[in-house]
Amino acid sequence: MPAHTDPIRVMLIDCRPLVLMGLHDLIEASRPRMEVSGRASTYAHALDLAEQLRPHVIFFSFFPDELDPLEVIAGLTRSAEMKVLVFKGLHEAVPVARAIEAGARGVVLAEDPTEAITRAIVKVHHHDSRPDSVWAGGLSGHVAPRRSPPNGYLERAKQARLTLRERELIRAIVDDPSAKYMCIAARLGISEHTVHNHLSNIYHKLDLINRIDLLMYALKHGLTNDDEPLESG
């Protein structure tokens, strides 16, 4: 990255101090690529702070508050320079589809590997694309970022780099989208740490952000069948 490039300014909105602290530490550890410009624990404060700081990316959590979170998202995204990412746990009931309609650019799962979370920040900041797909099988209301129409040869080349174990992991996730990583590890007979490593490799090889993105990609490109992938050296 060129030395003159300004860091991506990230604002955090969550009512839980531990979550704010964890995200803050994660993002600050990625300096100089990105930095936390502000944190808010109420929606009213978030609106005021965003107006003052003009962050590039906003991590937005849903929580009880006097203001309607969907209206807050709409207010935050009136400025094209501020892009909202919904931050949620895999089992949290959040109206993500409605959040997208209000202006959010996508969803990031708390269970995702840390590198996937920071990659989501970079991707949404540098790509002015809006999500347009909703996957309804077990993760209704979740969305995946829009991609350009796939080039068949390039997609096959990406998929050919997947190992057999990585393909098995994809099938396990598609079979049970809400499964915890420890359950997937037990099913495949590997450690939870190995599951995270495989997922990081899969995201890198397929140019994906997170688990939801992977689900959408796997269903779209037929990675749920029993054909063995081509191994790469």
C-alpha atoms as a PDB file:
ATOM      1  CA  MET A   1       0.000   0.000   0.000  1.00  0.00           C
ATOM      2  CA  PRO A   2       1.435   3.407  -0.896  1.00  0.00           C
ATOM      3  CA  ALA A   3       2.683   5.410   2.071  1.00  0.00           C
ATOM      4  CA  HIS A   4       0.483   8.372   1.228  1.00  0.00           C
ATOM      5  CA  THR A   5      -2.767   6.381   1.389  1.00  0.00           C
ATOM      6  CA  ASP A   6      -4.972   7.529   4.239  1.00  0.00           C
ATOM      7  CA  PRO A   7      -6.257   4.846   6.621  1.00  0.00           C
ATOM      8  CA  ILE A   8      -9.826   3.614   6.364  1.00  0.00           C
ATOM      9  CA  ARG A   9     -11.759   5.356   9.142  1.00  0.00           C
ATOM     10  CA  VAL A  10     -14.050   2.910  10.934  1.00  0.00           C
ATOM     11  CA  MET A  11     -16.791   3.793  13.419  1.00  0.00           C
ATOM     12  CA  LEU A  12     -18.262   1.236  15.829  1.00  0.00           C
ATOM     13  CA  ILE A  13     -21.852   1.187  17.082  1.00  0.00           C
ATOM     14  CA  ASP A  14     -22.716  -1.304  19.829  1.00  0.00           C
ATOM     15  CA  CYS A  15     -24.167  -1.127  23.329  1.00  0.00           C
ATOM     16  CA  ARG A  16     -21.814  -3.821  24.682  1.00  0.00           C
ATOM     17  CA  PRO A  17     -18.495  -2.472  26.019  1.00  0.00           C
ATOM     18  CA  LEU A  18     -16.668  -5.775  25.482  1.00  0.00           C
ATOM     19  CA  VAL A  19     -17.747  -5.946  21.840  1.00  0.00           C
ATOM     20  CA  LEU A  20     -16.649  -2.358  21.260  1.00  0.00           C
ATOM     21  CA  MET A  21     -13.317  -3.072  22.910  1.00  0.00           C
ATOM     22  CA  GLY A  22     -12.748  -6.244  20.894  1.00  0.00           C
ATOM     23  CA  LEU A  23     -13.546  -4.611  17.560  1.00  0.00           C
ATOM     24  CA  HIS A  24     -11.485  -1.578  18.486  1.00  0.00           C
ATOM     25  CA  ASP A  25      -8.435  -3.713  19.248  1.00  0.00           C
ATOM     26  CA  LEU A  26      -8.884  -5.771  16.074  1.00  0.00           C
ATOM     27  CA  ILE A  27      -9.090  -2.725  13.811  1.00  0.00           C
ATOM     28  CA  GLU A  28      -6.313  -0.788  15.544  1.00  0.00           C
ATOM     29  CA  ALA A  29      -4.059  -3.831  15.125  1.00  0.00           C
ATOM     30  CA  SER A  30      -4.460  -3.339  11.358  1.00  0.00           C
ATOM     31  CA  ARG A  31      -2.911   0.137  11.329  1.00  0.00           C
ATOM     32  CA  PRO A  32      -1.942   1.925   9.163  1.00  0.00           C
ATOM     33  CA  ARG A  33      -4.460   0.321   6.798  1.00  0.00           C
ATOM     34  CA  MET A  34      -7.424   1.217   9.020  1.00  0.00           C
ATOM     35  CA  GLU A  35      -8.185   2.901  12.309  1.00  0.00           C
ATOM     36  CA  VAL A  36     -11.122   3.435  14.674  1.00  0.00           C
ATOM     37  CA  SER A  37     -12.406   6.980  14.308  1.00  0.00           C
ATOM     38  CA  GLY A  38     -15.121   6.727  16.953  1.00  0.00           C
ATOM     39  CA  ARG A  39     -17.341   4.506  19.093  1.00  0.00           C
ATOM     40  CA  ALA A  40     -20.974   4.937  20.074  1.00  0.00           C
ATOM     41  CA  SER A  41     -23.191   2.964  22.450  1.00  0.00           C
ATOM     42  CA  THR A  42     -26.482   4.714  21.586  1.00  0.00           C
ATOM     43  CA  TYR A  43     -27.984   5.473  18.188  1.00  0.00           C
ATOM     44  CA  ALA A  44     -28.413   9.192  18.948  1.00  0.00           C
ATOM     45  CA  HIS A  45     -24.732   9.472  19.786  1.00  0.00           C
ATOM     46  CA  ALA A  46     -23.889   7.460  16.660  1.00  0.00           C
ATOM     47  CA  LEU A  47     -25.726   9.897  14.403  1.00  0.00           C
ATOM     48  CA  ASP A  48     -24.013  12.910  16.001  1.00  0.00           C
ATOM     49  CA  LEU A  49     -20.603  11.255  15.932  1.00  0.00           C
ATOM     50  CA  ALA A  50     -20.914  10.170  12.319  1.00  0.00           C
ATOM     51  CA  GLU A  51     -21.798  13.704  11.292  1.00  0.00           C
ATOM     52  CA  GLN A  52     -18.683  14.997  13.048  1.00  0.00           C
ATOM     53  CA  LEU A  53     -16.202  12.289  12.049  1.00  0.00           C
ATOM     54  CA  ARG A  54     -17.433  11.262   8.574  1.00  0.00           C
ATOM     55  CA  PRO A  55     -16.134   7.660   8.840  1.00  0.00           C
ATOM     56  CA  HIS A  56     -15.665   5.515   5.746  1.00  0.00           C
ATOM     57  CA  VAL A  57     -17.103   2.295   7.215  1.00  0.00           C
ATOM     58  CA  ILE A  58     -19.540   1.866  10.111  1.00  0.00           C
ATOM     59  CA  PHE A  59     -19.925  -1.385  12.048  1.00  0.00           C
ATOM     60  CA  PHE A  60     -23.575  -1.373  13.110  1.00  0.00           C
ATOM     61  CA  SER A  61     -25.114  -3.660  15.744  1.00  0.00           C
ATOM     62  CA  PHE A  62     -28.833  -3.963  16.491  1.00  0.00           C
ATOM     63  CA  PHE A  63     -29.807  -3.392  20.153  1.00  0.00           C
ATOM     64  CA  PRO A  64     -32.685  -1.911  22.216  1.00  0.00           C
ATOM     65  CA  ASP A  65     -32.691   1.871  21.905  1.00  0.00           C
ATOM     66  CA  GLU A  66     -35.112   4.790  21.741  1.00  0.00           C
ATOM     67  CA  LEU A  67     -34.410   5.225  18.021  1.00  0.00           C
ATOM     68  CA  ASP A  68     -35.400   2.778  15.275  1.00  0.00           C
ATOM     69  CA  PRO A  69     -32.193   1.087  14.074  1.00  0.00           C
ATOM     70  CA  LEU A  70     -33.431   0.895  10.482  1.00  0.00           C
ATOM     71  CA  GLU A  71     -34.088   4.631  10.443  1.00  0.00           C
ATOM     72  CA  VAL A  72     -30.641   5.193  11.910  1.00  0.00           C
ATOM     73  CA  ILE A  73     -29.055   3.144   9.119  1.00  0.00           C
ATOM     74  CA  ALA A  74     -30.994   5.190   6.567  1.00  0.00           C
ATOM     75  CA  GLY A  75     -29.728   8.378   8.186  1.00  0.00           C
ATOM     76  CA  LEU A  76     -26.129   7.197   8.271  1.00  0.00           C
ATOM     77  CA  THR A  77     -26.128   6.116   4.641  1.00  0.00           C
ATOM     78  CA  ARG A  78     -27.563   9.321   3.204  1.00  0.00           C
ATOM     79  CA  SER A  79     -23.936  10.203   2.637  1.00  0.00           C
ATOM     80  CA  ALA A  80     -22.451   7.948  -0.044  1.00  0.00           C
ATOM     81  CA  GLU A  81     -19.033   8.132   1.617  1.00  0.00           C
ATOM     82  CA  MET A  82     -20.270   6.299   4.743  1.00  0.00           C
ATOM     83  CA  LYS A  83     -20.894   2.586   4.268  1.00  0.00           C
ATOM     84  CA  VAL A  84     -22.657   0.507   6.897  1.00  0.00           C
ATOM     85  CA  LEU A  85     -21.839  -3.121   7.664  1.00  0.00           C
ATOM     86  CA  VAL A  86     -24.252  -4.938   9.969  1.00  0.00           C
ATOM     87  CA  PHE A  87     -22.329  -6.787  12.689  1.00  0.00           C
ATOM     88  CA  LYS A  88     -24.123  -9.748  14.273  1.00  0.00           C
ATOM     89  CA  GLY A  89     -23.739 -13.135  15.864  1.00  0.00           C
ATOM     90  CA  LEU A  90     -24.702 -16.147  13.770  1.00  0.00           C
ATOM     91  CA  HIS A  91     -27.724 -16.877  15.989  1.00  0.00           C
ATOM     92  CA  GLU A  92     -28.843 -13.284  16.596  1.00  0.00           C
ATOM     93  CA  ALA A  93     -32.236 -12.434  15.111  1.00  0.00           C
ATOM     94  CA  VAL A  94     -31.541  -9.351  13.029  1.00  0.00           C
ATOM     95  CA  PRO A  95     -33.604  -8.030  10.055  1.00  0.00           C
ATOM     96  CA  VAL A  96     -30.606  -7.928   7.725  1.00  0.00           C
ATOM     97  CA  ALA A  97     -32.669  -7.835   4.531  1.00  0.00           C
ATOM     98  CA  ARG A  98     -34.500  -4.738   5.788  1.00  0.00           C
ATOM     99  CA  ALA A  99     -31.203  -3.224   6.866  1.00  0.00           C
ATOM    100  CA  ILE A 100     -29.954  -3.640   3.309  1.00  0.00           C
ATOM    101  CA  GLU A 101     -33.065  -1.918   2.010  1.00  0.00           C
ATOM    102  CA  ALA A 102     -32.324   0.916   4.438  1.00  0.00           C
ATOM    103  CA  GLY A 103     -28.845   1.323   2.991  1.00  0.00           C
ATOM    104  CA  ALA A 104     -26.468  -1.169   4.661  1.00  0.00           C
ATOM    105  CA  ARG A 105     -23.890  -2.756   2.354  1.00  0.00           C
ATOM    106  CA  GLY A 106     -23.716  -6.220   3.907  1.00  0.00           C
ATOM    107  CA  VAL A 107     -23.317  -8.303   7.042  1.00  0.00           C
ATOM    108  CA  VAL A 108     -20.280  -9.431   9.009  1.00  0.00           C
ATOM    109  CA  LEU A 109     -20.547 -12.323  11.448  1.00  0.00           C
ATOM    110  CA  ALA A 110     -18.975 -12.135  14.888  1.00  0.00           C
ATOM    111  CA  GLU A 111     -17.925 -15.765  14.420  1.00  0.00           C
ATOM    112  CA  ASP A 112     -15.863 -15.005  11.316  1.00  0.00           C
ATOM    113  CA  PRO A 113     -12.057 -15.211  11.495  1.00  0.00           C
ATOM    114  CA  THR A 114     -10.477 -11.868  12.315  1.00  0.00           C
ATOM    115  CA  GLU A 115      -8.840 -11.589   8.896  1.00  0.00           C
ATOM    116  CA  ALA A 116     -12.249 -12.018   7.241  1.00  0.00           C
ATOM    117  CA  ILE A 117     -13.638  -9.147   9.306  1.00  0.00           C
ATOM    118  CA  THR A 118     -10.840  -6.769   8.363  1.00  0.00           C
ATOM    119  CA  ARG A 119     -11.047  -7.906   4.733  1.00  0.00           C
ATOM    120  CA  ALA A 120     -14.756  -7.024   4.739  1.00  0.00           C
ATOM    121  CA  ILE A 121     -13.883  -3.486   5.810  1.00  0.00           C
ATOM    122  CA  VAL A 122     -11.384  -3.096   2.980  1.00  0.00           C
ATOM    123  CA  LYS A 123     -13.705  -4.627   0.400  1.00  0.00           C
ATOM    124  CA  VAL A 124     -16.751  -2.519   1.236  1.00  0.00           C
ATOM    125  CA  HIS A 125     -14.627   0.632   1.371  1.00  0.00           C
ATOM    126  CA  HIS A 126     -12.982   0.135  -2.025  1.00  0.00           C
ATOM    127  CA  HIS A 127     -15.915  -1.371  -3.940  1.00  0.00           C
ATOM    128  CA  ASP A 128     -19.038   0.671  -4.453  1.00  0.00           C
ATOM    129  CA  SER A 129     -21.250  -2.362  -5.007  1.00  0.00           C
ATOM    130  CA  ARG A 130     -24.515  -3.033  -3.247  1.00  0.00           C
ATOM    131  CA  PRO A 131     -25.751  -6.471  -2.155  1.00  0.00           C
ATOM    132  CA  ASP A 132     -28.611  -7.905  -4.133  1.00  0.00           C
ATOM    133  CA  SER A 133     -29.019 -11.554  -3.086  1.00  0.00           C
ATOM    134  CA  VAL A 134     -30.762 -13.179  -0.122  1.00  0.00           C
ATOM    135  CA  TRP A 135     -30.138 -16.799   0.758  1.00  0.00           C
ATOM    136  CA  ALA A 136     -33.191 -18.323   2.462  1.00  0.00           C
ATOM    137  CA  GLY A 137     -31.978 -21.737   3.557  1.00  0.00           C
ATOM    138  CA  GLY A 138     -31.397 -21.494   7.299  1.00  0.00           C
ATOM    139  CA  LEU A 139     -29.971 -17.970   7.124  1.00  0.00           C
ATOM    140  CA  SER A 140     -33.033 -16.111   5.871  1.00  0.00           C
ATOM    141  CA  GLY A 141     -32.464 -12.400   5.669  1.00  0.00           C
ATOM    142  CA  HIS A 142     -28.698 -12.600   5.247  1.00  0.00           C
ATOM    143  CA  VAL A 143     -27.208 -11.103   2.162  1.00  0.00           C
ATOM    144  CA  ALA A 144     -24.068 -11.470   0.139  1.00  0.00           C
ATOM    145  CA  PRO A 145     -22.273  -8.680  -1.701  1.00  0.00           C
ATOM    146  CA  ARG A 146     -22.950  -8.365  -5.398  1.00  0.00           C
ATOM    147  CA  ARG A 147     -20.322  -9.741  -7.709  1.00  0.00           C
ATOM    148  CA  SER A 148     -19.749  -9.092 -11.341  1.00  0.00           C
ATOM    149  CA  PRO A 149     -21.138 -11.791 -13.639  1.00  0.00           C
ATOM    150  CA  PRO A 150     -18.770 -14.735 -13.192  1.00  0.00           C
ATOM    151  CA  ASN A 151     -16.263 -15.635 -15.853  1.00  0.00           C
ATOM    152  CA  GLY A 152     -16.656 -19.412 -16.187  1.00  0.00           C
ATOM    153  CA  TYR A 153     -12.996 -20.132 -16.830  1.00  0.00           C
ATOM    154  CA  LEU A 154     -11.756 -17.942 -13.993  1.00  0.00           C
ATOM    155  CA  GLU A 155     -14.237 -19.419 -11.522  1.00  0.00           C
ATOM    156  CA  ARG A 156     -13.241 -22.961 -12.486  1.00  0.00           C
ATOM    157  CA  ALA A 157      -9.589 -22.001 -12.061  1.00  0.00           C
ATOM    158  CA  LYS A 158     -10.328 -20.682  -8.569  1.00  0.00           C
ATOM    159  CA  GLN A 159     -12.249 -23.806  -7.610  1.00  0.00           C
ATOM    160  CA  ALA A 160      -9.495 -26.082  -8.942  1.00  0.00           C
ATOM    161  CA  ARG A 161      -7.221 -24.692  -6.218  1.00  0.00           C
ATOM    162  CA  LEU A 162      -9.481 -26.080  -3.483  1.00  0.00           C
ATOM    163  CA  THR A 163      -8.182 -29.179  -1.727  1.00  0.00           C
ATOM    164  CA  LEU A 164     -10.376 -32.163  -0.964  1.00  0.00           C
ATOM    165  CA  ARG A 165     -10.504 -31.211   2.712  1.00  0.00           C
ATOM    166  CA  GLU A 166     -11.513 -27.641   1.853  1.00  0.00           C
ATOM    167  CA  ARG A 167     -14.287 -28.948  -0.395  1.00  0.00           C
ATOM    168  CA  GLU A 168     -15.493 -31.219   2.425  1.00  0.00           C
ATOM    169  CA  LEU A 169     -15.567 -28.229   4.759  1.00  0.00           C
ATOM    170  CA  ILE A 170     -17.684 -26.268   2.279  1.00  0.00           C
ATOM    171  CA  ARG A 171     -20.169 -29.145   2.072  1.00  0.00           C
ATOM    172  CA  ALA A 172     -20.358 -29.346   5.859  1.00  0.00           C
ATOM    173  CA  ILE A 173     -21.157 -25.636   6.119  1.00  0.00           C
ATOM    174  CA  VAL A 174     -23.787 -25.805   3.396  1.00  0.00           C
ATOM    175  CA  ASP A 175     -25.379 -28.881   4.999  1.00  0.00           C
ATOM    176  CA  ASP A 176     -25.759 -27.050   8.331  1.00  0.00           C
ATOM    177  CA  PRO A 177     -25.350 -23.273   7.922  1.00  0.00           C
ATOM    178  CA  SER A 178     -25.904 -22.551  11.628  1.00  0.00           C
ATOM    179  CA  ALA A 179     -23.428 -25.171  12.896  1.00  0.00           C
ATOM    180  CA  LYS A 180     -20.754 -23.910  15.260  1.00  0.00           C
ATOM    181  CA  TYR A 181     -17.144 -24.337  14.256  1.00  0.00           C
ATOM    182  CA  MET A 182     -16.546 -26.932  16.974  1.00  0.00           C
ATOM    183  CA  CYS A 183     -19.385 -29.046  15.560  1.00  0.00           C
ATOM    184  CA  ILE A 184     -17.952 -28.805  12.050  1.00  0.00           C
ATOM    185  CA  ALA A 185     -14.542 -29.775  13.425  1.00  0.00           C
ATOM    186  CA  ALA A 186     -16.005 -32.845  15.140  1.00  0.00           C
ATOM    187  CA  ARG A 187     -17.833 -33.877  11.977  1.00  0.00           C
ATOM    188  CA  LEU A 188     -14.656 -33.698   9.896  1.00  0.00           C
ATOM    189  CA  GLY A 189     -12.380 -35.139  12.577  1.00  0.00           C
ATOM    190  CA  ILE A 190     -10.143 -32.064  12.751  1.00  0.00           C
ATOM    191  CA  SER A 191      -9.474 -29.336  15.301  1.00  0.00           C
ATOM    192  CA  GLU A 192     -11.437 -26.093  15.470  1.00  0.00           C
ATOM    193  CA  HIS A 193      -8.183 -24.235  14.778  1.00  0.00           C
ATOM    194  CA  THR A 194      -7.758 -26.260  11.577  1.00  0.00           C
ATOM    195  CA  VAL A 195     -11.320 -25.363  10.542  1.00  0.00           C
ATOM    196  CA  HIS A 196     -10.458 -21.661  10.854  1.00  0.00           C
ATOM    197  CA  ASN A 197      -7.249 -22.145   8.853  1.00  0.00           C
ATOM    198  CA  HIS A 198      -9.086 -23.985   6.070  1.00  0.00           C
ATOM    199  CA  LEU A 199     -11.764 -21.288   5.957  1.00  0.00           C
ATOM    200  CA  SER A 200      -9.140 -18.560   5.635  1.00  0.00           C
ATOM    201  CA  ASN A 201      -7.589 -20.443   2.727  1.00  0.00           C
ATOM    202  CA  ILE A 202     -10.985 -20.922   1.082  1.00  0.00           C
ATOM    203  CA  TYR A 203     -11.866 -17.224   1.401  1.00  0.00           C
ATOM    204  CA  HIS A 204      -8.514 -16.294  -0.125  1.00  0.00           C
ATOM    205  CA  LYS A 205      -8.755 -18.755  -3.019  1.00  0.00           C
ATOM    206  CA  LEU A 206     -12.342 -17.834  -3.934  1.00  0.00           C
ATOM    207  CA  ASP A 207     -12.073 -14.087  -3.154  1.00  0.00           C
ATOM    208  CA  LEU A 208     -14.790 -14.194  -0.515  1.00  0.00           C
ATOM    209  CA  ILE A 209     -15.340 -12.311   2.721  1.00  0.00           C
ATOM    210  CA  ASN A 210     -17.154 -14.544   5.179  1.00  0.00           C
ATOM    211  CA  ARG A 211     -19.320 -17.589   5.819  1.00  0.00           C
ATOM    212  CA  ILE A 212     -22.451 -16.081   4.285  1.00  0.00           C
ATOM    213  CA  ASP A 213     -20.520 -15.117   1.162  1.00  0.00           C
ATOM    214  CA  LEU A 214     -19.227 -18.704   0.982  1.00  0.00           C
ATOM    215  CA  LEU A 215     -22.744 -20.149   1.279  1.00  0.00           C
ATOM    216  CA  MET A 216     -23.987 -18.004  -1.571  1.00  0.00           C
ATOM    217  CA  TYR A 217     -20.982 -18.876  -3.729  1.00  0.00           C
ATOM    218  CA  ALA A 218     -21.217 -22.624  -3.020  1.00  0.00           C
ATOM    219  CA  LEU A 219     -24.887 -22.782  -3.958  1.00  0.00           C
ATOM    220  CA  LYS A 220     -24.444 -20.633  -7.044  1.00  0.00           C
ATOM    221  CA  HIS A 221     -21.470 -22.574  -8.390  1.00  0.00           C
ATOM    222  CA  GLY A 222     -22.472 -26.103  -7.431  1.00  0.00           C
ATOM    223  CA  LEU A 223     -19.843 -26.752  -4.784  1.00  0.00           C
ATOM    224  CA  THR A 224     -22.335 -28.864  -2.835  1.00  0.00           C
ATOM    225  CA  ASN A 225     -22.124 -31.959  -5.010  1.00  0.00           C
ATOM    226  CA  ASP A 226     -19.982 -35.017  -4.340  1.00  0.00           C
ATOM    227  CA  ASP A 227     -17.500 -34.546  -7.175  1.00  0.00           C
ATOM    228  CA  GLU A 228     -13.944 -34.434  -5.904  1.00  0.00           C
ATOM    229  CA  PRO A 229     -12.140 -31.153  -6.569  1.00  0.00           C
ATOM    230  CA  LEU A 230      -8.937 -30.944  -8.506  1.00  0.00           C
ATOM    231  CA  GLU A 231      -5.965 -30.772  -6.158  1.00  0.00           C
ATOM    232  CA  SER A 232      -3.371 -28.090  -6.588  1.00  0.00           C
ATOM    233  CA  GLY A 233       0.244 -28.419  -5.632  1.00  0.00           C
END
